[in-house]
Full PDB file with SEQRES, HELIX, SHEET, SSBOND, CRYST1, ORIGX, SCALE, CONECT and MASTER records, all heavy atoms in Angstrom:
SEQRES   1 A   38  ASP SER ARG MET VAL ILE ALA LEU GLY GLU CYS TYR GLN          
SEQRES   2 A   38  LYS VAL GLU ARG LEU GLN GLU ALA LYS LYS CYS PHE TRP          
SEQRES   3 A   38  LYS ALA HIS CYS LEU GLY ASP ALA GLU GLU ILE ALA              
HELIX    1 AA1 SER A    2  LYS A   14  1                                  13    
HELIX    2 AA2 LEU A   18  CYS A   30  1                                  13    
CRYST1    1.000    1.000    1.000  90.00  90.00  90.00 P 1           1          
ORIGX1      1.000000  0.000000  0.000000        0.00000                         
ORIGX2      0.000000  1.000000  0.000000        0.00000                         
ORIGX3      0.000000  0.000000  1.000000        0.00000                         
SCALE1      1.000000  0.000000  0.000000        0.00000                         
SCALE2      0.000000  1.000000  0.000000        0.00000                         
SCALE3      0.000000  0.000000  1.000000        0.00000                         
ATOM      1  N   ASP A   1      10.847   4.374  -4.167  1.00  0.00           N  
ATOM      2  CA  ASP A   1      11.627   4.159  -2.944  1.00  0.00           C  
ATOM      3  C   ASP A   1      10.948   3.054  -2.139  1.00  0.00           C  
ATOM      4  O   ASP A   1       9.828   3.219  -1.641  1.00  0.00           O  
ATOM      5  CB  ASP A   1      11.688   5.459  -2.131  1.00  0.00           C  
ATOM      6  CG  ASP A   1      12.697   5.372  -0.994  1.00  0.00           C  
ATOM      7  OD1 ASP A   1      12.840   4.278  -0.410  1.00  0.00           O  
ATOM      8  OD2 ASP A   1      13.328   6.391  -0.681  1.00  0.00           O  
ATOM      9  N   SER A   2      11.623   1.932  -2.001  1.00  0.00           N  
ATOM     10  CA  SER A   2      11.018   0.772  -1.340  1.00  0.00           C  
ATOM     11  C   SER A   2      10.658   1.059   0.116  1.00  0.00           C  
ATOM     12  O   SER A   2       9.725   0.471   0.659  1.00  0.00           O  
ATOM     13  CB  SER A   2      11.968  -0.428  -1.415  1.00  0.00           C  
ATOM     14  OG  SER A   2      13.200  -0.142  -0.771  1.00  0.00           O  
ATOM     15  N   ARG A   3      11.385   1.988   0.764  1.00  0.00           N  
ATOM     16  CA  ARG A   3      11.083   2.296   2.169  1.00  0.00           C  
ATOM     17  C   ARG A   3       9.678   2.861   2.317  1.00  0.00           C  
ATOM     18  O   ARG A   3       8.966   2.540   3.268  1.00  0.00           O  
ATOM     19  CB  ARG A   3      12.100   3.304   2.715  1.00  0.00           C  
ATOM     20  CG  ARG A   3      13.527   2.806   2.767  1.00  0.00           C  
ATOM     21  CD  ARG A   3      14.463   3.945   3.087  1.00  0.00           C  
ATOM     22  NE  ARG A   3      14.352   5.014   2.098  1.00  0.00           N  
ATOM     23  CZ  ARG A   3      14.898   6.219   2.231  1.00  0.00           C  
ATOM     24  NH1 ARG A   3      15.567   6.508   3.333  1.00  0.00           N  
ATOM     25  NH2 ARG A   3      14.777   7.131   1.286  1.00  0.00           N  
ATOM     26  N   MET A   4       9.305   3.740   1.376  1.00  0.00           N  
ATOM     27  CA  MET A   4       7.968   4.331   1.431  1.00  0.00           C  
ATOM     28  C   MET A   4       6.891   3.259   1.233  1.00  0.00           C  
ATOM     29  O   MET A   4       5.862   3.251   1.910  1.00  0.00           O  
ATOM     30  CB  MET A   4       7.802   5.399   0.341  1.00  0.00           C  
ATOM     31  CG  MET A   4       8.888   6.442   0.289  1.00  0.00           C  
ATOM     32  SD  MET A   4       8.955   7.455   1.764  1.00  0.00           S  
ATOM     33  CE  MET A   4      10.716   7.523   2.035  1.00  0.00           C  
ATOM     34  N   VAL A   5       7.157   2.347   0.299  1.00  0.00           N  
ATOM     35  CA  VAL A   5       6.174   1.315  -0.028  1.00  0.00           C  
ATOM     36  C   VAL A   5       6.026   0.333   1.136  1.00  0.00           C  
ATOM     37  O   VAL A   5       4.916  -0.093   1.475  1.00  0.00           O  
ATOM     38  CB  VAL A   5       6.565   0.575  -1.322  1.00  0.00           C  
ATOM     39  CG1 VAL A   5       5.463  -0.383  -1.745  1.00  0.00           C  
ATOM     40  CG2 VAL A   5       6.840   1.561  -2.450  1.00  0.00           C  
ATOM     41  N   ILE A   6       7.137  -0.022   1.774  1.00  0.00           N  
ATOM     42  CA  ILE A   6       7.082  -0.937   2.918  1.00  0.00           C  
ATOM     43  C   ILE A   6       6.317  -0.297   4.073  1.00  0.00           C  
ATOM     44  O   ILE A   6       5.477  -0.943   4.716  1.00  0.00           O  
ATOM     45  CB  ILE A   6       8.505  -1.341   3.358  1.00  0.00           C  
ATOM     46  CG1 ILE A   6       9.127  -2.285   2.317  1.00  0.00           C  
ATOM     47  CG2 ILE A   6       8.487  -2.011   4.725  1.00  0.00           C  
ATOM     48  CD1 ILE A   6      10.580  -2.602   2.557  1.00  0.00           C  
ATOM     49  N   ALA A   7       6.598   0.972   4.336  1.00  0.00           N  
ATOM     50  CA  ALA A   7       5.884   1.664   5.421  1.00  0.00           C  
ATOM     51  C   ALA A   7       4.391   1.685   5.145  1.00  0.00           C  
ATOM     52  O   ALA A   7       3.573   1.461   6.050  1.00  0.00           O  
ATOM     53  CB  ALA A   7       6.416   3.092   5.566  1.00  0.00           C  
ATOM     54  N   LEU A   8       4.033   1.917   3.895  1.00  0.00           N  
ATOM     55  CA  LEU A   8       2.619   1.926   3.515  1.00  0.00           C  
ATOM     56  C   LEU A   8       2.013   0.529   3.705  1.00  0.00           C  
ATOM     57  O   LEU A   8       0.898   0.394   4.218  1.00  0.00           O  
ATOM     58  CB  LEU A   8       2.485   2.386   2.062  1.00  0.00           C  
ATOM     59  CG  LEU A   8       1.080   2.637   1.523  1.00  0.00           C  
ATOM     60  CD1 LEU A   8       0.367   3.705   2.342  1.00  0.00           C  
ATOM     61  CD2 LEU A   8       1.153   3.063   0.051  1.00  0.00           C  
ATOM     62  N   GLY A   9       2.756  -0.505   3.314  1.00  0.00           N  
ATOM     63  CA  GLY A   9       2.280  -1.879   3.472  1.00  0.00           C  
ATOM     64  C   GLY A   9       2.057  -2.246   4.932  1.00  0.00           C  
ATOM     65  O   GLY A   9       1.049  -2.866   5.288  1.00  0.00           O  
ATOM     66  N   GLU A  10       2.994  -1.842   5.792  1.00  0.00           N  
ATOM     67  CA  GLU A  10       2.854  -2.132   7.226  1.00  0.00           C  
ATOM     68  C   GLU A  10       1.624  -1.432   7.805  1.00  0.00           C  
ATOM     69  O   GLU A  10       0.929  -1.978   8.670  1.00  0.00           O  
ATOM     70  CB  GLU A  10       4.118  -1.690   7.965  1.00  0.00           C  
ATOM     71  CG  GLU A  10       5.320  -2.569   7.666  1.00  0.00           C  
ATOM     72  CD  GLU A  10       6.592  -2.043   8.301  1.00  0.00           C  
ATOM     73  OE1 GLU A  10       6.688  -0.823   8.524  1.00  0.00           O  
ATOM     74  OE2 GLU A  10       7.492  -2.858   8.557  1.00  0.00           O  
ATOM     75  N   CYS A  11       1.366  -0.228   7.299  1.00  0.00           N  
ATOM     76  CA  CYS A  11       0.210   0.520   7.791  1.00  0.00           C  
ATOM     77  C   CYS A  11      -1.091  -0.145   7.332  1.00  0.00           C  
ATOM     78  O   CYS A  11      -2.049  -0.264   8.108  1.00  0.00           O  
ATOM     79  CB  CYS A  11       0.284   1.951   7.277  1.00  0.00           C  
ATOM     80  SG  CYS A  11      -0.440   3.141   8.389  1.00  0.00           S  
ATOM     81  N   TYR A  12      -1.129  -0.576   6.082  1.00  0.00           N  
ATOM     82  CA  TYR A  12      -2.299  -1.320   5.597  1.00  0.00           C  
ATOM     83  C   TYR A  12      -2.533  -2.571   6.446  1.00  0.00           C  
ATOM     84  O   TYR A  12      -3.668  -2.937   6.751  1.00  0.00           O  
ATOM     85  CB  TYR A  12      -2.103  -1.728   4.138  1.00  0.00           C  
ATOM     86  CG  TYR A  12      -2.475  -0.678   3.129  1.00  0.00           C  
ATOM     87  CD1 TYR A  12      -1.589  -0.313   2.108  1.00  0.00           C  
ATOM     88  CD2 TYR A  12      -3.716  -0.049   3.154  1.00  0.00           C  
ATOM     89  CE1 TYR A  12      -1.936   0.651   1.168  1.00  0.00           C  
ATOM     90  CE2 TYR A  12      -4.065   0.909   2.217  1.00  0.00           C  
ATOM     91  CZ  TYR A  12      -3.167   1.258   1.233  1.00  0.00           C  
ATOM     92  OH  TYR A  12      -3.512   2.207   0.302  1.00  0.00           O  
ATOM     93  N   GLN A  13      -1.444  -3.215   6.832  1.00  0.00           N  
ATOM     94  CA  GLN A  13      -1.556  -4.433   7.634  1.00  0.00           C  
ATOM     95  C   GLN A  13      -2.184  -4.120   8.996  1.00  0.00           C  
ATOM     96  O   GLN A  13      -3.012  -4.882   9.496  1.00  0.00           O  
ATOM     97  CB  GLN A  13      -0.167  -5.039   7.821  1.00  0.00           C  
ATOM     98  CG  GLN A  13      -0.177  -6.518   8.118  1.00  0.00           C  
ATOM     99  CD  GLN A  13       1.199  -7.142   7.952  1.00  0.00           C  
ATOM    100  OE1 GLN A  13       2.167  -6.475   7.616  1.00  0.00           O  
ATOM    101  NE2 GLN A  13       1.284  -8.429   8.193  1.00  0.00           N  
ATOM    102  N   LYS A  14      -1.822  -2.983   9.571  1.00  0.00           N  
ATOM    103  CA  LYS A  14      -2.348  -2.621  10.883  1.00  0.00           C  
ATOM    104  C   LYS A  14      -3.838  -2.298  10.846  1.00  0.00           C  
ATOM    105  O   LYS A  14      -4.530  -2.473  11.843  1.00  0.00           O  
ATOM    106  CB  LYS A  14      -1.568  -1.432  11.438  1.00  0.00           C  
ATOM    107  CG  LYS A  14      -0.179  -1.816  11.923  1.00  0.00           C  
ATOM    108  CD  LYS A  14       0.596  -0.620  12.411  1.00  0.00           C  
ATOM    109  CE  LYS A  14       1.989  -1.059  12.860  1.00  0.00           C  
ATOM    110  NZ  LYS A  14       2.835   0.085  13.240  1.00  0.00           N  
ATOM    111  N   VAL A  15      -4.306  -1.810   9.691  1.00  0.00           N  
ATOM    112  CA  VAL A  15      -5.743  -1.506   9.595  1.00  0.00           C  
ATOM    113  C   VAL A  15      -6.501  -2.652   8.928  1.00  0.00           C  
ATOM    114  O   VAL A  15      -7.622  -2.465   8.443  1.00  0.00           O  
ATOM    115  CB  VAL A  15      -5.978  -0.165   8.845  1.00  0.00           C  
ATOM    116  CG1 VAL A  15      -5.391   0.995   9.606  1.00  0.00           C  
ATOM    117  CG2 VAL A  15      -5.433  -0.215   7.419  1.00  0.00           C  
ATOM    118  N   GLU A  16      -5.863  -3.829   8.870  1.00  0.00           N  
ATOM    119  CA  GLU A  16      -6.501  -5.051   8.370  1.00  0.00           C  
ATOM    120  C   GLU A  16      -6.869  -4.984   6.885  1.00  0.00           C  
ATOM    121  O   GLU A  16      -7.804  -5.644   6.455  1.00  0.00           O  
ATOM    122  CB  GLU A  16      -7.763  -5.373   9.189  1.00  0.00           C  
ATOM    123  CG  GLU A  16      -7.513  -5.591  10.678  1.00  0.00           C  
ATOM    124  CD  GLU A  16      -6.631  -6.808  10.931  1.00  0.00           C  
ATOM    125  OE1 GLU A  16      -6.784  -7.797  10.197  1.00  0.00           O  
ATOM    126  OE2 GLU A  16      -5.805  -6.757  11.856  1.00  0.00           O  
ATOM    127  N   ARG A  17      -6.134  -4.216   6.118  1.00  0.00           N  
ATOM    128  CA  ARG A  17      -6.347  -4.193   4.663  1.00  0.00           C  
ATOM    129  C   ARG A  17      -5.210  -5.005   4.043  1.00  0.00           C  
ATOM    130  O   ARG A  17      -4.257  -4.477   3.475  1.00  0.00           O  
ATOM    131  CB  ARG A  17      -6.387  -2.752   4.151  1.00  0.00           C  
ATOM    132  CG  ARG A  17      -7.598  -1.993   4.691  1.00  0.00           C  
ATOM    133  CD  ARG A  17      -7.559  -0.506   4.394  1.00  0.00           C  
ATOM    134  NE  ARG A  17      -7.563  -0.216   2.969  1.00  0.00           N  
ATOM    135  CZ  ARG A  17      -7.613   1.029   2.461  1.00  0.00           C  
ATOM    136  NH1 ARG A  17      -7.688   2.067   3.288  1.00  0.00           N  
ATOM    137  NH2 ARG A  17      -7.598   1.225   1.165  1.00  0.00           N  
ATOM    138  N   LEU A  18      -5.343  -6.329   4.183  1.00  0.00           N  
ATOM    139  CA  LEU A  18      -4.212  -7.222   3.906  1.00  0.00           C  
ATOM    140  C   LEU A  18      -3.899  -7.355   2.427  1.00  0.00           C  
ATOM    141  O   LEU A  18      -2.743  -7.555   2.046  1.00  0.00           O  
ATOM    142  CB  LEU A  18      -4.489  -8.601   4.523  1.00  0.00           C  
ATOM    143  CG  LEU A  18      -4.716  -8.597   6.042  1.00  0.00           C  
ATOM    144  CD1 LEU A  18      -4.868 -10.020   6.558  1.00  0.00           C  
ATOM    145  CD2 LEU A  18      -3.583  -7.887   6.764  1.00  0.00           C  
ATOM    146  N   GLN A  19      -4.917  -7.275   1.565  1.00  0.00           N  
ATOM    147  CA  GLN A  19      -4.646  -7.388   0.133  1.00  0.00           C  
ATOM    148  C   GLN A  19      -3.808  -6.200  -0.357  1.00  0.00           C  
ATOM    149  O   GLN A  19      -2.883  -6.370  -1.152  1.00  0.00           O  
ATOM    150  CB  GLN A  19      -5.963  -7.471  -0.652  1.00  0.00           C  
ATOM    151  CG  GLN A  19      -6.756  -8.747  -0.397  1.00  0.00           C  
ATOM    152  CD  GLN A  19      -5.971 -10.007  -0.742  1.00  0.00           C  
ATOM    153  OE1 GLN A  19      -5.207 -10.041  -1.703  1.00  0.00           O  
ATOM    154  NE2 GLN A  19      -6.176 -11.066   0.043  1.00  0.00           N  
ATOM    155  N   GLU A  20      -4.138  -4.986   0.132  1.00  0.00           N  
ATOM    156  CA  GLU A  20      -3.335  -3.811  -0.233  1.00  0.00           C  
ATOM    157  C   GLU A  20      -1.919  -3.935   0.330  1.00  0.00           C  
ATOM    158  O   GLU A  20      -0.936  -3.574  -0.336  1.00  0.00           O  
ATOM    159  CB  GLU A  20      -3.979  -2.525   0.286  1.00  0.00           C  
ATOM    160  CG  GLU A  20      -5.219  -2.103  -0.469  1.00  0.00           C  
ATOM    161  CD  GLU A  20      -6.479  -2.602   0.215  1.00  0.00           C  
ATOM    162  OE1 GLU A  20      -6.404  -3.647   0.902  1.00  0.00           O  
ATOM    163  OE2 GLU A  20      -7.528  -1.954   0.056  1.00  0.00           O  
ATOM    164  N   ALA A  21      -1.818  -4.473   1.559  1.00  0.00           N  
ATOM    165  CA  ALA A  21      -0.502  -4.663   2.166  1.00  0.00           C  
ATOM    166  C   ALA A  21       0.342  -5.625   1.335  1.00  0.00           C  
ATOM    167  O   ALA A  21       1.534  -5.399   1.102  1.00  0.00           O  
ATOM    168  CB  ALA A  21      -0.655  -5.190   3.589  1.00  0.00           C  
ATOM    169  N   LYS A  22      -0.299  -6.699   0.856  1.00  0.00           N  
ATOM    170  CA  LYS A  22       0.411  -7.690   0.041  1.00  0.00           C  
ATOM    171  C   LYS A  22       0.967  -7.054  -1.227  1.00  0.00           C  
ATOM    172  O   LYS A  22       2.115  -7.291  -1.612  1.00  0.00           O  
ATOM    173  CB  LYS A  22      -0.548  -8.841  -0.284  1.00  0.00           C  
ATOM    174  CG  LYS A  22       0.104 -10.016  -0.979  1.00  0.00           C  
ATOM    175  CD  LYS A  22      -0.824 -11.233  -0.962  1.00  0.00           C  
ATOM    176  CE  LYS A  22      -2.083 -10.982  -1.765  1.00  0.00           C  
ATOM    177  NZ  LYS A  22      -2.881 -12.213  -1.931  1.00  0.00           N  
ATOM    178  N   LYS A  23       0.159  -6.213  -1.869  1.00  0.00           N  
ATOM    179  CA  LYS A  23       0.604  -5.544  -3.099  1.00  0.00           C  
ATOM    180  C   LYS A  23       1.791  -4.623  -2.811  1.00  0.00           C  
ATOM    181  O   LYS A  23       2.722  -4.525  -3.617  1.00  0.00           O  
ATOM    182  CB  LYS A  23      -0.545  -4.744  -3.703  1.00  0.00           C  
ATOM    183  CG  LYS A  23      -1.648  -5.604  -4.286  1.00  0.00           C  
ATOM    184  CD  LYS A  23      -2.822  -4.751  -4.764  1.00  0.00           C  
ATOM    185  CE  LYS A  23      -3.968  -5.623  -5.271  1.00  0.00           C  
ATOM    186  NZ  LYS A  23      -5.150  -4.811  -5.659  1.00  0.00           N  
ATOM    187  N   CYS A  24       1.755  -3.955  -1.651  1.00  0.00           N  
ATOM    188  CA  CYS A  24       2.852  -3.048  -1.298  1.00  0.00           C  
ATOM    189  C   CYS A  24       4.163  -3.817  -1.092  1.00  0.00           C  
ATOM    190  O   CYS A  24       5.216  -3.417  -1.609  1.00  0.00           O  
ATOM    191  CB  CYS A  24       2.503  -2.269  -0.030  1.00  0.00           C  
ATOM    192  SG  CYS A  24       1.266  -0.981  -0.271  1.00  0.00           S  
ATOM    193  N   PHE A  25       4.105  -4.919  -0.341  1.00  0.00           N  
ATOM    194  CA  PHE A  25       5.335  -5.683  -0.092  1.00  0.00           C  
ATOM    195  C   PHE A  25       5.882  -6.287  -1.386  1.00  0.00           C  
ATOM    196  O   PHE A  25       7.098  -6.351  -1.592  1.00  0.00           O  
ATOM    197  CB  PHE A  25       5.071  -6.787   0.941  1.00  0.00           C  
ATOM    198  CG  PHE A  25       4.725  -6.260   2.313  1.00  0.00           C  
ATOM    199  CD1 PHE A  25       3.751  -6.882   3.087  1.00  0.00           C  
ATOM    200  CD2 PHE A  25       5.359  -5.143   2.817  1.00  0.00           C  
ATOM    201  CE1 PHE A  25       3.422  -6.399   4.347  1.00  0.00           C  
ATOM    202  CE2 PHE A  25       5.045  -4.650   4.086  1.00  0.00           C  
ATOM    203  CZ  PHE A  25       4.077  -5.281   4.841  1.00  0.00           C  
ATOM    204  N   TRP A  26       4.973  -6.722  -2.255  1.00  0.00           N  
ATOM    205  CA  TRP A  26       5.412  -7.258  -3.545  1.00  0.00           C  
ATOM    206  C   TRP A  26       6.094  -6.172  -4.375  1.00  0.00           C  
ATOM    207  O   TRP A  26       7.150  -6.381  -4.968  1.00  0.00           O  
ATOM    208  CB  TRP A  26       4.213  -7.836  -4.297  1.00  0.00           C  
ATOM    209  CG  TRP A  26       4.551  -8.256  -5.699  1.00  0.00           C  
ATOM    210  CD1 TRP A  26       4.220  -7.623  -6.859  1.00  0.00           C  
ATOM    211  CD2 TRP A  26       5.332  -9.396  -6.097  1.00  0.00           C  
ATOM    212  NE1 TRP A  26       4.724  -8.292  -7.935  1.00  0.00           N  
ATOM    213  CE2 TRP A  26       5.414  -9.384  -7.501  1.00  0.00           C  
ATOM    214  CE3 TRP A  26       5.955 -10.420  -5.393  1.00  0.00           C  
ATOM    215  CZ2 TRP A  26       6.094 -10.354  -8.219  1.00  0.00           C  
ATOM    216  CZ3 TRP A  26       6.640 -11.391  -6.116  1.00  0.00           C  
ATOM    217  CH2 TRP A  26       6.708 -11.344  -7.500  1.00  0.00           C  
ATOM    218  N   LYS A  27       5.494  -4.972  -4.386  1.00  0.00           N  
ATOM    219  CA  LYS A  27       6.092  -3.873  -5.145  1.00  0.00           C  
ATOM    220  C   LYS A  27       7.457  -3.501  -4.574  1.00  0.00           C  
ATOM    221  O   LYS A  27       8.405  -3.271  -5.337  1.00  0.00           O  
ATOM    222  CB  LYS A  27       5.170  -2.649  -5.119  1.00  0.00           C  
ATOM    223  CG  LYS A  27       5.728  -1.471  -5.905  1.00  0.00           C  
ATOM    224  CD  LYS A  27       4.797  -0.269  -5.928  1.00  0.00           C  
ATOM    225  CE  LYS A  27       5.432   0.869  -6.727  1.00  0.00           C  
ATOM    226  NZ  LYS A  27       4.576   2.074  -6.769  1.00  0.00           N  
ATOM    227  N   ALA A  28       7.556  -3.446  -3.248  1.00  0.00           N  
ATOM    228  CA  ALA A  28       8.845  -3.108  -2.624  1.00  0.00           C  
ATOM    229  C   ALA A  28       9.915  -4.125  -3.006  1.00  0.00           C  
ATOM    230  O   ALA A  28      11.065  -3.765  -3.290  1.00  0.00           O  
ATOM    231  CB  ALA A  28       8.689  -3.046  -1.107  1.00  0.00           C  
ATOM    232  N   HIS A  29       9.551  -5.399  -3.039  1.00  0.00           N  
ATOM    233  CA  HIS A  29      10.504  -6.437  -3.450  1.00  0.00           C  
ATOM    234  C   HIS A  29      10.936  -6.228  -4.899  1.00  0.00           C  
ATOM    235  O   HIS A  29      12.120  -6.328  -5.223  1.00  0.00           O  
ATOM    236  CB  HIS A  29       9.872  -7.814  -3.276  1.00  0.00           C  
ATOM    237  CG  HIS A  29      10.680  -8.930  -3.869  1.00  0.00           C  
ATOM    238  ND1 HIS A  29      11.943  -9.250  -3.427  1.00  0.00           N  
ATOM    239  CD2 HIS A  29      10.400  -9.801  -4.894  1.00  0.00           C  
ATOM    240  CE1 HIS A  29      12.412 -10.265  -4.149  1.00  0.00           C  
ATOM    241  NE2 HIS A  29      11.492 -10.611  -5.028  1.00  0.00           N  
ATOM    242  N   CYS A  30       9.987  -5.900  -5.761  1.00  0.00           N  
ATOM    243  CA  CYS A  30      10.302  -5.694  -7.179  1.00  0.00           C  
ATOM    244  C   CYS A  30      11.166  -4.450  -7.398  1.00  0.00           C  
ATOM    245  O   CYS A  30      11.934  -4.379  -8.361  1.00  0.00           O  
ATOM    246  CB  CYS A  30       9.014  -5.573  -7.997  1.00  0.00           C  
ATOM    247  SG  CYS A  30       8.039  -7.095  -8.044  1.00  0.00           S  
ATOM    248  N   LEU A  31      11.042  -3.460  -6.504  1.00  0.00           N  
ATOM    249  CA  LEU A  31      11.822  -2.226  -6.627  1.00  0.00           C  
ATOM    250  C   LEU A  31      13.267  -2.395  -6.167  1.00  0.00           C  
ATOM    251  O   LEU A  31      14.079  -1.508  -6.349  1.00  0.00           O  
ATOM    252  CB  LEU A  31      11.166  -1.106  -5.812  1.00  0.00           C  
ATOM    253  CG  LEU A  31       9.868  -0.519  -6.378  1.00  0.00           C  
ATOM    254  CD1 LEU A  31       9.231   0.419  -5.372  1.00  0.00           C  
ATOM    255  CD2 LEU A  31      10.125   0.200  -7.694  1.00  0.00           C  
ATOM    256  N   GLY A  32      13.566  -3.535  -5.566  1.00  0.00           N  
ATOM    257  CA  GLY A  32      14.937  -3.763  -5.115  1.00  0.00           C  
ATOM    258  C   GLY A  32      15.079  -3.883  -3.612  1.00  0.00           C  
ATOM    259  O   GLY A  32      16.041  -4.448  -3.118  1.00  0.00           O  
ATOM    260  N   ASP A  33      14.127  -3.311  -2.867  1.00  0.00           N  
ATOM    261  CA  ASP A  33      14.061  -3.458  -1.422  1.00  0.00           C  
ATOM    262  C   ASP A  33      15.392  -3.123  -0.748  1.00  0.00           C  
ATOM    263  O   ASP A  33      16.173  -4.007  -0.377  1.00  0.00           O  
ATOM    264  CB  ASP A  33      13.626  -4.875  -1.051  1.00  0.00           C  
ATOM    265  CG  ASP A  33      13.426  -5.033   0.454  1.00  0.00           C  
ATOM    266  OD1 ASP A  33      13.311  -4.001   1.143  1.00  0.00           O  
ATOM    267  OD2 ASP A  33      13.387  -6.174   0.920  1.00  0.00           O  
ATOM    268  N   ALA A  34      15.624  -1.826  -0.568  1.00  0.00           N  
ATOM    269  CA  ALA A  34      16.874  -1.372   0.032  1.00  0.00           C  
ATOM    270  C   ALA A  34      17.079  -1.927   1.435  1.00  0.00           C  
ATOM    271  O   ALA A  34      18.209  -2.152   1.880  1.00  0.00           O  
ATOM    272  CB  ALA A  34      16.892   0.163   0.074  1.00  0.00           C  
ATOM    273  N   GLU A  35      15.994  -2.178   2.160  1.00  0.00           N  
ATOM    274  CA  GLU A  35      16.105  -2.666   3.536  1.00  0.00           C  
ATOM    275  C   GLU A  35      16.176  -4.199   3.618  1.00  0.00           C  
ATOM    276  O   GLU A  35      16.404  -4.752   4.700  1.00  0.00           O  
ATOM    277  CB  GLU A  35      14.896  -2.188   4.352  1.00  0.00           C  
ATOM    278  CG  GLU A  35      14.659  -0.688   4.293  1.00  0.00           C  
ATOM    279  CD  GLU A  35      15.785   0.117   4.910  1.00  0.00           C  
ATOM    280  OE1 GLU A  35      16.334  -0.354   5.913  1.00  0.00           O  
ATOM    281  OE2 GLU A  35      16.106   1.196   4.396  1.00  0.00           O  
ATOM    282  N   GLU A  36      15.927  -4.898   2.510  1.00  0.00           N  
ATOM    283  CA  GLU A  36      15.973  -6.362   2.455  1.00  0.00           C  
ATOM    284  C   GLU A  36      14.987  -7.014   3.432  1.00  0.00           C  
ATOM    285  O   GLU A  36      15.289  -8.029   4.066  1.00  0.00           O  
ATOM    286  CB  GLU A  36      17.394  -6.885   2.752  1.00  0.00           C  
ATOM    287  CG  GLU A  36      18.485  -6.263   1.908  1.00  0.00           C  
ATOM    288  CD  GLU A  36      18.414  -6.683   0.440  1.00  0.00           C  
ATOM    289  OE1 GLU A  36      17.587  -7.551   0.125  1.00  0.00           O  
ATOM    290  OE2 GLU A  36      19.160  -6.123  -0.370  1.00  0.00           O  
ATOM    291  N   ILE A  37      13.788  -6.432   3.575  1.00  0.00           N  
ATOM    292  CA  ILE A  37      12.806  -6.992   4.507  1.00  0.00           C  
ATOM    293  C   ILE A  37      11.454  -7.244   3.837  1.00  0.00           C  
ATOM    294  O   ILE A  37      10.594  -7.907   4.411  1.00  0.00           O  
ATOM    295  CB  ILE A  37      12.591  -6.068   5.727  1.00  0.00           C  
ATOM    296  CG1 ILE A  37      12.148  -4.672   5.269  1.00  0.00           C  
ATOM    297  CG2 ILE A  37      13.840  -5.995   6.579  1.00  0.00           C  
ATOM    298  CD1 ILE A  37      11.794  -3.744   6.418  1.00  0.00           C  
ATOM    299  N   ALA A  38      11.267  -6.737   2.632  1.00  0.00           N  
ATOM    300  CA  ALA A  38       9.944  -6.833   1.987  1.00  0.00           C  
ATOM    301  C   ALA A  38       9.550  -8.284   1.741  1.00  0.00           C  
ATOM    302  O   ALA A  38       8.389  -8.659   1.943  1.00  0.00           O  
ATOM    303  CB  ALA A  38       9.941  -6.049   0.682  1.00  0.00           C  
TER     304      ALA A  38                                                      
MASTER        0    0    0    2    0    0    0    6  303    1    0    3          
END                                                                             
C-alpha cells in the first residue's frame, strides 16, 4: 500500500534519515502511488 510507504518516508524525512526516506518514496512510486505524490 503506497500510502503506508509514503507516510513512513515522510516520517524518516522529519527525523533526518533522508536515505531511508528516499527508498520509501521510490518504493511508493514503483507500487503505483495511489495518491500520485511519491
